[in-house]
Each structure stands twice: as structure tokens, then as C-alpha cells.
Amino acid sequence: AATTLTYRSGVATLQPYWVPSFEKTRASVKDSAHQLSGLLRQSIRRKTSDNPGRIGLFLSGGTDSRTVLGSFAEPPASYTIGVRDNNEVRVARTIAEIAQSPHRFIQINEDPYSDKLDELTMLGGGMHAFDHGIFFEPSQQVAPEVDVMFHGHGIDYMFQGMYLLTRNLNLLGRRTSFKRFDSIGQDFPGEYINRIGHRLKDINLVEYVVGNRRTEMLEKLRHSVAEIQKLGEAFCRTPDDQWEYMLIHGLARHYPFTNLTSMGSAVEQRVAAFDNDVFDLYLSLPKSHRLDGKIAKNTLRILSPKLAAVPTANTNQAPVHSALEKDARRLLGLVKRRVGLERTRRLRAPAEERTWPDRGRM
């Protein structure tokens, strides 16, 4: 719940003023997308109603930031960062041109971290991977040109189903783009700790804990999850609601937190997704509306069909493609390359063509 803290005459008083409602809408995906597109436009109007001055947008080659760009009545200036003028930058530039947004490419070092490692670690309080603080120096470059900065944070985990418990289906031993839901087991704390999407997957952190402290640490971690789960019992109806409540109970808990702290280190930022009405709609959506980003895809089509048609930098496919369309295009490209009919680039872009350096090479 959202709560105010009042301190008066030596006494601190907590007063809840909002509790989440997980009551699900019966509206279709299409109708919900029309509602979301209107709410995002409304959010932009609200967040610029004070006439903040020069407005900017951190624009990637992905889906979320172009969705925010499409929500503006008057396009802001847009900025894209990268180690070189690569596929990510080219896609973002195309998006900006379509939206008639003045665009600037900000080049960062091949190693954007080493010289600022202490600052980046502090931005995450030692609790987050430092590499998502990549906007630290670009924000300082942008600061003289803009007064308020927008970006696409929140669209992915709220409307693309980023943290839903799902798995991709396999066909003939190959992973497809089709997803199905996984059920949440009886041991909710264990399921959450071991399966939430924003956990650290590349290494086993327990191995770095002194042997005789490992059991205690894991028990405290489980207890912490169980405490939050208990708080949610007042308004969560299903284990899926509890899963979502774990996220909204502390939005700083997942990995992009240092994106925000680094963006805000030199310029004021405003998040289109952080709007009361947008947030309430998000909580009301059945998880089926968010599977494979259904509502996000439909919303982008409504906001800007032209932006929806531009391939993303990560997959080089249009963000609104269905799972069937994505797999069919992959298969067709594979067949053409195998028989020598076409020398097309691989659909999924390598690290050199994206913004973030490959974590395994750092």
C-alpha cells in the first residue's frame, strides 16, 4: 500500500492512502489497448502540464521508448547512446525521423564503466549490477540541452509481461517464440527466489558467502519474501497476484533500477508509465493480455502504426509481430541462407550492434 508518514509533536503516524486492486477487467485486449494508449497520452499531458521547458527522450531501438515517443502530441528531442553508430542507433534514428523528433547520437566509450566504477556502484547502493548505470555520463552531456528527460521505463514489466512466469515451447528440439504459463508452486518464497526473471542468473552468489553463513542468509531471504507475501494477502486473490505484488511492493527491486538513478544523476526525469491511472490499468489486466506483450503491441499500433512497423534493434523484426510471424520469418531466413539464395544478416543482433556491451566480455 502507498502510505504517508506524518511527524508531529514527537509522534510519527503512518496513514495508507492507496491499496492495489487486482480485480481483473473483462475488456478485450484490443479495448484495453485503446484504453492504455489514451492513458499514456494523458500521462504525457499531465507530466508536461507545468511547462517544464526543454523536453528530451532517451530513445533506443526497442519498443518501450518508441511507445512513449508515440504518446507525445509534439515530439521531444531524442537521444540515443552507443559505443558506435551501430544498428541500435540506426533504428532509433529511423524512429526519430518518422516521429519528426530532432535526434542526437551520443557516443560512449568502448568501456564506459571502469573510470566511473565507484560512482556507478554507489548509484545502485551495492545491490544492483553496475552496468545498468550506463546513462551516468550521457545524462551529464544531455543536461545543458534539456530540462526534463523521459524514457521507456516500466512499459516492459507492466505491459509486455516481462516477469510473468512463462516458458518457451520447443519444436523438434528448437526453442520457438510461443510461450505458455508456468504455475506457481506451493513454496511461494522458494519459487520467487529461484525463478523471478530479474534474479542474477550468471553466477551462484551463495558460493561467495562464507560456508557457515549460507543457510542463515537463505533463511533470511525466504523470510523476507514471506513477509511481503503476507502483506499482500489483504488484497491479492491468487498466487499470480502475489507474484505481481512482489514487484510493485518495491519497484527498485529489479535490475533496471540503476538505469533510473544514472539517468537522474544530472537531469530531472519523468516516467510516463508511473501514472496512477496507467498503474491501475496494469494491475487490472489478466496475465493473458500481457503474454507475449499482446497489449503493448496493440497499443503501439494505435499510437503510431508507422513506429510499430519499424524492426527492433534486438531482433530486426517488427515489434508487433506475433510468435508465428517471428518464427516463420526466422525459418524462411534460415532456409534462404542454407540454399544460398540470400545472404541476410542474422535476425538477432550481436552485442556490438546493441547499446550494452556483452556482460560476458566485460
Protein backbone atom coordinates (compact mmCIF):
# COMPACT_ATOMS: atom_id res chain seq x y z
CA ALA A 1 0.00 0.00 0.00
CA ALA A 2 1.04 3.61 -0.53
CA THR A 3 1.46 5.38 2.79
CA THR A 4 2.13 8.85 4.15
CA LEU A 5 4.38 9.41 7.14
CA THR A 6 3.46 12.35 9.38
CA TYR A 7 5.69 13.50 12.22
CA ARG A 8 4.03 15.84 14.70
CA SER A 9 4.83 16.67 18.34
CA GLY A 10 7.34 13.85 18.54
CA VAL A 11 4.91 11.24 17.20
CA ALA A 12 5.23 9.51 13.80
CA THR A 13 1.97 8.39 12.18
CA LEU A 14 1.57 6.14 9.14
CA GLN A 15 -1.59 6.54 7.06
CA PRO A 16 -2.29 4.37 3.97
CA TYR A 17 -3.93 6.32 1.14
CA TRP A 18 -3.94 3.70 -1.65
CA VAL A 19 -4.03 -0.08 -1.82
CA PRO A 20 -3.64 -2.06 -5.03
CA SER A 21 -6.68 -3.66 -6.60
CA PHE A 22 -6.11 -6.85 -8.57
CA GLU A 23 -9.72 -7.12 -9.76
CA LYS A 24 -9.40 -8.07 -13.42
CA THR A 25 -11.05 -6.32 -16.32
CA ARG A 26 -13.33 -8.18 -18.72
CA ALA A 27 -12.35 -5.89 -21.58
CA SER A 28 -10.68 -7.47 -24.60
CA VAL A 29 -7.01 -6.98 -25.43
CA LYS A 30 -7.99 -4.56 -28.19
CA ASP A 31 -10.25 -2.48 -25.94
CA SER A 32 -7.64 -2.49 -23.16
CA ALA A 33 -5.02 -1.31 -25.66
CA HIS A 34 -7.23 1.60 -26.71
CA GLN A 35 -7.60 2.48 -23.04
CA LEU A 36 -3.85 2.24 -22.45
CA SER A 37 -3.00 4.40 -25.47
CA GLY A 38 -5.32 7.10 -24.15
CA LEU A 39 -3.87 6.86 -20.66
CA LEU A 40 -0.28 7.14 -21.90
CA ARG A 41 -1.19 10.27 -23.86
CA GLN A 42 -2.90 11.59 -20.75
CA SER A 43 0.17 10.78 -18.66
CA ILE A 44 2.39 12.80 -21.00
CA ARG A 45 -0.01 15.74 -20.81
CA ARG A 46 -0.01 15.56 -17.02
CA LYS A 47 3.76 15.28 -16.77
CA THR A 48 4.29 18.27 -19.05
CA SER A 49 1.39 20.40 -17.75
CA ASP A 50 3.79 22.57 -15.74
CA ASN A 51 5.53 23.64 -18.97
CA PRO A 52 8.87 22.22 -17.80
CA GLY A 53 10.87 23.75 -20.63
CA ARG A 54 13.06 21.74 -22.97
CA ILE A 55 11.93 18.11 -23.11
CA GLY A 56 14.10 15.18 -24.15
CA LEU A 57 13.69 11.43 -24.54
CA PHE A 58 16.26 8.66 -24.27
CA LEU A 59 15.35 6.67 -27.38
CA SER A 60 16.56 3.13 -28.01
CA GLY A 61 15.95 0.83 -30.95
CA GLY A 62 13.49 -1.16 -28.86
CA THR A 63 9.76 -0.98 -28.22
CA ASP A 64 9.24 0.85 -24.93
CA SER A 65 10.80 4.24 -25.69
CA ARG A 66 9.13 4.44 -29.11
CA THR A 67 5.80 3.79 -27.37
CA VAL A 68 6.45 6.79 -25.14
CA LEU A 69 7.54 8.86 -28.15
CA GLY A 70 4.31 7.95 -29.93
CA SER A 71 2.36 9.26 -26.93
CA PHE A 72 3.58 12.84 -27.37
CA ALA A 73 1.41 15.30 -29.27
CA GLU A 74 4.55 17.34 -30.01
CA PRO A 75 7.66 15.14 -30.31
CA PRO A 76 10.54 15.93 -27.94
CA ALA A 77 14.20 15.88 -28.88
CA SER A 78 15.55 12.34 -28.71
CA TYR A 79 18.94 10.97 -27.70
CA THR A 80 20.44 7.55 -28.36
CA ILE A 81 23.63 6.25 -26.76
CA GLY A 82 26.03 3.65 -28.10
CA VAL A 83 29.70 2.78 -28.45
CA ARG A 84 29.40 3.34 -32.21
CA ASP A 85 26.85 4.29 -34.84
CA ASN A 86 25.51 0.74 -34.94
CA ASN A 87 22.21 -1.00 -35.65
CA GLU A 88 20.69 0.24 -32.39
CA VAL A 89 21.46 3.84 -33.29
CA ARG A 90 20.30 3.47 -36.89
CA VAL A 91 16.96 2.02 -35.83
CA ALA A 92 16.48 4.77 -33.24
CA ARG A 93 17.34 7.39 -35.85
CA THR A 94 14.72 5.95 -38.19
CA ILE A 95 12.13 6.05 -35.39
CA ALA A 96 13.01 9.67 -34.64
CA GLU A 97 12.73 10.66 -38.30
CA ILE A 98 9.28 9.08 -38.59
CA ALA A 99 8.11 10.88 -35.44
CA GLN A 100 9.80 14.13 -36.58
CA SER A 101 11.85 14.19 -33.41
CA PRO A 102 15.21 16.00 -33.54
CA HIS A 103 17.74 13.25 -32.86
CA ARG A 104 21.26 13.18 -31.47
CA PHE A 105 23.61 10.22 -31.16
CA ILE A 106 25.76 10.26 -28.02
CA GLN A 107 28.85 8.11 -28.39
CA ILE A 108 30.15 6.41 -25.25
CA ASN A 109 33.48 4.70 -24.63
CA GLU A 110 34.08 1.07 -25.50
CA ASP A 111 34.49 0.61 -21.76
CA PRO A 112 32.02 3.04 -20.19
CA TYR A 113 32.42 1.64 -16.68
CA SER A 114 35.99 1.37 -15.42
CA ASP A 115 36.63 5.09 -14.87
CA LYS A 116 33.32 5.54 -13.05
CA LEU A 117 33.05 2.22 -11.23
CA ASP A 118 32.83 3.73 -7.74
CA GLU A 119 30.11 6.19 -8.77
CA LEU A 120 28.11 3.51 -10.60
CA THR A 121 28.34 1.15 -7.64
CA MET A 122 27.09 3.89 -5.34
CA LEU A 123 24.14 4.60 -7.66
CA GLY A 124 22.90 1.07 -7.05
CA GLY A 125 23.76 1.04 -3.37
CA GLY A 126 25.81 -2.09 -3.94
CA MET A 127 22.58 -4.02 -4.57
CA HIS A 128 22.48 -3.81 -8.37
CA ALA A 129 24.79 -4.67 -11.25
CA PHE A 130 26.77 -1.55 -12.12
CA ASP A 131 26.47 -1.97 -15.89
CA HIS A 132 22.90 -0.66 -15.93
CA GLY A 133 24.23 2.69 -14.75
CA ILE A 134 25.33 3.26 -18.33
CA PHE A 135 23.42 6.57 -18.59
CA PHE A 136 25.60 8.27 -15.95
CA GLU A 137 27.88 10.20 -18.33
CA PRO A 138 25.33 10.62 -21.18
CA SER A 139 22.97 12.32 -18.72
CA GLN A 140 25.67 14.87 -17.97
CA GLN A 141 26.08 15.54 -21.70
CA VAL A 142 22.34 15.97 -22.19
CA ALA A 143 21.81 18.19 -19.12
CA PRO A 144 22.77 21.51 -20.83
CA GLU A 145 20.24 20.84 -23.61
CA VAL A 146 17.13 19.62 -21.76
CA ASP A 147 15.26 20.40 -18.56
CA VAL A 148 13.22 17.20 -18.28
CA MET A 149 14.04 13.75 -19.65
CA PHE A 150 11.59 10.96 -20.50
CA HIS A 151 12.34 7.32 -21.30
CA GLY A 152 10.56 3.99 -21.74
CA HIS A 153 11.00 2.53 -18.26
CA GLY A 154 8.11 0.44 -16.95
CA ILE A 155 6.42 -0.45 -20.23
CA ASP A 156 8.16 -3.83 -20.41
CA TYR A 157 7.36 -5.28 -16.99
CA MET A 158 3.92 -3.68 -16.79
CA PHE A 159 2.58 -4.41 -20.27
CA GLN A 160 4.94 -6.82 -22.04
CA GLY A 161 4.74 -9.48 -19.34
CA MET A 162 8.47 -9.31 -18.72
CA TYR A 163 8.34 -11.05 -15.34
CA LEU A 164 5.41 -13.38 -15.89
CA LEU A 165 6.27 -16.97 -15.06
CA THR A 166 6.39 -18.49 -18.54
CA ARG A 167 8.47 -20.78 -20.68
CA ASN A 168 9.02 -21.02 -24.42
CA LEU A 169 7.72 -24.08 -26.21
CA ASN A 170 10.13 -26.30 -28.13
CA LEU A 171 9.50 -27.85 -31.53
CA LEU A 172 11.79 -30.58 -32.86
CA GLY A 173 14.32 -29.68 -30.20
CA ARG A 174 14.34 -25.99 -31.10
CA ARG A 175 13.03 -23.15 -28.98
CA THR A 176 10.10 -21.29 -30.52
CA SER A 177 8.65 -17.85 -29.79
CA PHE A 178 5.45 -19.40 -28.44
CA LYS A 179 5.09 -19.16 -24.66
CA ARG A 180 2.96 -20.89 -22.09
CA PHE A 181 2.34 -20.06 -18.47
CA ASP A 182 4.02 -21.98 -15.68
CA SER A 183 2.13 -22.49 -12.46
CA ILE A 184 3.49 -21.16 -9.19
CA GLY A 185 4.19 -23.98 -6.76
CA GLN A 186 3.16 -24.27 -3.12
CA ASP A 187 6.50 -22.95 -1.86
CA PHE A 188 6.00 -19.33 -2.93
CA PRO A 189 9.20 -17.90 -1.36
CA GLY A 190 11.31 -20.63 -2.96
CA GLU A 191 9.60 -20.20 -6.33
CA TYR A 192 10.16 -16.46 -6.25
CA ILE A 193 13.80 -16.60 -5.19
CA ASN A 194 14.70 -19.23 -7.76
CA ARG A 195 12.53 -18.21 -10.71
CA ILE A 196 11.88 -14.47 -10.80
CA GLY A 197 13.21 -13.05 -14.06
CA HIS A 198 15.38 -10.33 -12.52
CA ARG A 199 17.42 -12.67 -10.33
CA LEU A 200 21.15 -12.92 -11.04
CA LYS A 201 21.44 -15.98 -13.28
CA ASP A 202 25.04 -16.00 -14.50
CA ILE A 203 26.66 -16.86 -11.17
CA ASN A 204 25.61 -18.56 -7.95
CA LEU A 205 26.01 -15.86 -5.31
CA VAL A 206 25.77 -18.38 -2.49
CA GLU A 207 29.20 -19.66 -3.49
CA TYR A 208 30.63 -16.27 -2.49
CA VAL A 209 29.16 -16.44 1.02
CA VAL A 210 31.17 -17.90 3.90
CA GLY A 211 30.13 -21.52 4.25
CA ASN A 212 28.76 -21.36 7.77
CA ARG A 213 26.61 -18.29 6.92
CA ARG A 214 24.89 -19.61 3.80
CA THR A 215 21.95 -21.32 5.48
CA GLU A 216 21.25 -18.28 7.64
CA MET A 217 21.38 -15.97 4.63
CA LEU A 218 18.96 -18.09 2.59
CA GLU A 219 16.56 -18.42 5.51
CA LYS A 220 16.50 -14.64 5.98
CA LEU A 221 15.89 -14.18 2.27
CA ARG A 222 12.97 -16.61 2.37
CA HIS A 223 11.60 -14.88 5.46
CA SER A 224 11.77 -11.51 3.71
CA VAL A 225 9.73 -12.83 0.75
CA ALA A 226 7.23 -14.46 3.12
CA GLU A 227 6.75 -11.17 4.98
CA ILE A 228 5.88 -9.33 1.76
CA GLN A 229 3.62 -12.20 0.71
CA LYS A 230 1.74 -11.85 3.99
CA LEU A 231 1.29 -8.11 3.44
CA GLY A 232 -0.32 -8.88 0.09
CA GLU A 233 -2.87 -11.30 1.50
CA ALA A 234 -5.24 -8.41 2.21
CA PHE A 235 -5.78 -7.70 -1.50
CA CYS A 236 -4.16 -10.49 -3.56
CA ARG A 237 -6.61 -13.13 -4.74
CA THR A 238 -4.30 -15.59 -6.47
CA PRO A 239 -0.64 -16.65 -6.47
CA ASP A 240 -0.27 -14.66 -9.70
CA ASP A 241 -1.43 -11.54 -7.86
CA GLN A 242 1.15 -12.27 -5.15
CA TRP A 243 3.83 -12.65 -7.82
CA GLU A 244 2.96 -9.23 -9.22
CA TYR A 245 2.73 -7.72 -5.75
CA MET A 246 6.33 -8.71 -5.08
CA LEU A 247 7.30 -6.41 -7.94
CA ILE A 248 5.17 -3.40 -7.08
CA HIS A 249 5.96 -3.63 -3.36
CA GLY A 250 9.43 -2.36 -4.19
CA LEU A 251 9.94 -1.13 -7.75
CA ALA A 252 13.64 -0.64 -7.03
CA ARG A 253 13.97 -4.39 -6.54
CA HIS A 254 14.51 -5.31 -10.18
CA TYR A 255 17.57 -4.80 -12.32
CA PRO A 256 16.81 -1.59 -14.33
CA PHE A 257 16.82 0.48 -11.14
CA THR A 258 20.29 1.84 -11.90
CA ASN A 259 19.03 2.91 -15.33
CA LEU A 260 16.85 5.38 -13.48
CA THR A 261 19.41 6.50 -10.92
CA SER A 262 22.02 7.08 -13.63
CA MET A 263 19.56 8.96 -15.87
CA GLY A 264 18.54 11.14 -12.96
CA SER A 265 22.08 11.90 -11.85
CA ALA A 266 22.26 15.10 -13.93
CA VAL A 267 18.79 15.86 -15.29
CA GLU A 268 15.23 15.58 -13.97
CA GLN A 269 13.42 12.54 -15.32
CA ARG A 270 9.73 11.77 -15.64
CA VAL A 271 8.35 8.29 -16.29
CA ALA A 272 5.24 8.02 -18.48
CA ALA A 273 4.36 4.62 -17.02
CA PHE A 274 4.40 5.98 -13.45
CA ASP A 275 0.92 7.45 -13.58
CA ASN A 276 -1.89 6.42 -11.23
CA ASP A 277 -4.36 5.58 -13.98
CA VAL A 278 -1.77 3.73 -16.06
CA PHE A 279 -0.73 1.80 -12.97
CA ASP A 280 -4.29 0.84 -12.03
CA LEU A 281 -4.93 -0.41 -15.57
CA TYR A 282 -1.78 -2.53 -15.40
CA LEU A 283 -2.96 -4.23 -12.21
CA SER A 284 -6.40 -4.89 -13.72
CA LEU A 285 -5.11 -6.79 -16.76
CA PRO A 286 -5.41 -10.58 -16.94
CA LYS A 287 -1.98 -12.08 -17.46
CA SER A 288 -3.15 -13.42 -20.83
CA HIS A 289 -3.35 -9.79 -22.06
CA ARG A 290 0.34 -9.35 -21.26
CA LEU A 291 1.65 -12.70 -22.53
CA ASP A 292 3.99 -12.08 -25.48
CA GLY A 293 3.32 -8.36 -25.00
CA LYS A 294 -0.13 -8.53 -26.61
CA ILE A 295 -1.44 -5.31 -25.10
CA ALA A 296 1.85 -3.46 -25.66
CA LYS A 297 1.86 -4.45 -29.34
CA ASN A 298 -1.73 -3.35 -29.86
CA THR A 299 -1.10 -0.10 -28.02
CA LEU A 300 1.89 0.77 -30.19
CA ARG A 301 -0.17 0.10 -33.32
CA ILE A 302 -2.83 2.52 -32.06
CA LEU A 303 -0.34 5.23 -31.06
CA SER A 304 1.66 5.05 -34.29
CA PRO A 305 1.27 2.38 -36.99
CA LYS A 306 4.44 3.69 -38.64
CA LEU A 307 6.55 3.29 -35.49
CA ALA A 308 5.03 -0.16 -34.97
CA ALA A 309 6.32 -1.24 -38.39
CA VAL A 310 9.99 -0.38 -37.72
CA PRO A 311 12.01 -3.50 -36.78
CA THR A 312 13.56 -3.52 -33.31
CA ALA A 313 17.32 -3.39 -32.96
CA ASN A 314 17.50 -6.63 -30.97
CA THR A 315 15.54 -8.91 -33.31
CA ASN A 316 15.41 -6.97 -36.59
CA GLN A 317 11.72 -7.80 -36.71
CA ALA A 318 8.74 -5.51 -36.25
CA PRO A 319 7.83 -5.34 -32.55
CA VAL A 320 4.19 -6.13 -33.30
CA HIS A 321 4.89 -9.47 -34.99
CA SER A 322 3.13 -12.45 -33.45
CA ALA A 323 5.03 -15.53 -32.30
CA LEU A 324 4.00 -17.28 -35.52
CA GLU A 325 5.22 -14.40 -37.69
CA LYS A 326 8.55 -14.21 -35.86
CA ASP A 327 9.25 -17.92 -36.16
CA ALA A 328 8.11 -18.07 -39.79
CA ARG A 329 10.49 -15.26 -40.72
CA ARG A 330 13.35 -16.90 -38.85
CA LEU A 331 12.70 -20.18 -40.65
CA LEU A 332 12.45 -18.51 -44.05
CA GLY A 333 15.72 -16.66 -43.49
CA LEU A 334 17.43 -19.86 -42.39
CA VAL A 335 16.25 -21.74 -45.48
CA LYS A 336 17.37 -18.95 -47.81
CA ARG A 337 20.82 -18.85 -46.25
CA ARG A 338 21.19 -22.62 -46.33
CA VAL A 339 20.39 -22.85 -50.05
CA GLY A 340 22.44 -19.78 -50.91
CA LEU A 341 19.54 -17.68 -52.15
CA GLU A 342 20.23 -14.83 -49.80
CA ARG A 343 22.97 -13.53 -47.57
CA THR A 344 20.76 -11.90 -44.99
CA ARG A 345 22.04 -10.85 -41.62
CA ARG A 346 21.05 -12.94 -38.65
CA LEU A 347 17.85 -11.64 -37.10
CA ARG A 348 19.13 -11.35 -33.54
CA ALA A 349 21.75 -8.63 -33.37
CA PRO A 350 25.11 -9.34 -31.67
CA ALA A 351 26.30 -7.27 -28.71
CA GLU A 352 28.29 -4.95 -30.99
CA GLU A 353 25.05 -3.81 -32.63
CA ARG A 354 23.26 -3.04 -29.36
CA THR A 355 23.72 -0.41 -26.65
CA TRP A 356 25.02 -2.51 -23.78
CA PRO A 357 28.40 -4.24 -24.01
CA ASP A 358 28.15 -8.01 -23.69
CA ARG A 359 28.28 -8.81 -19.97
CA GLY A 360 30.28 -11.97 -20.59
CA ARG A 361 33.07 -9.94 -22.21
CA MET A 362 33.32 -7.26 -19.54
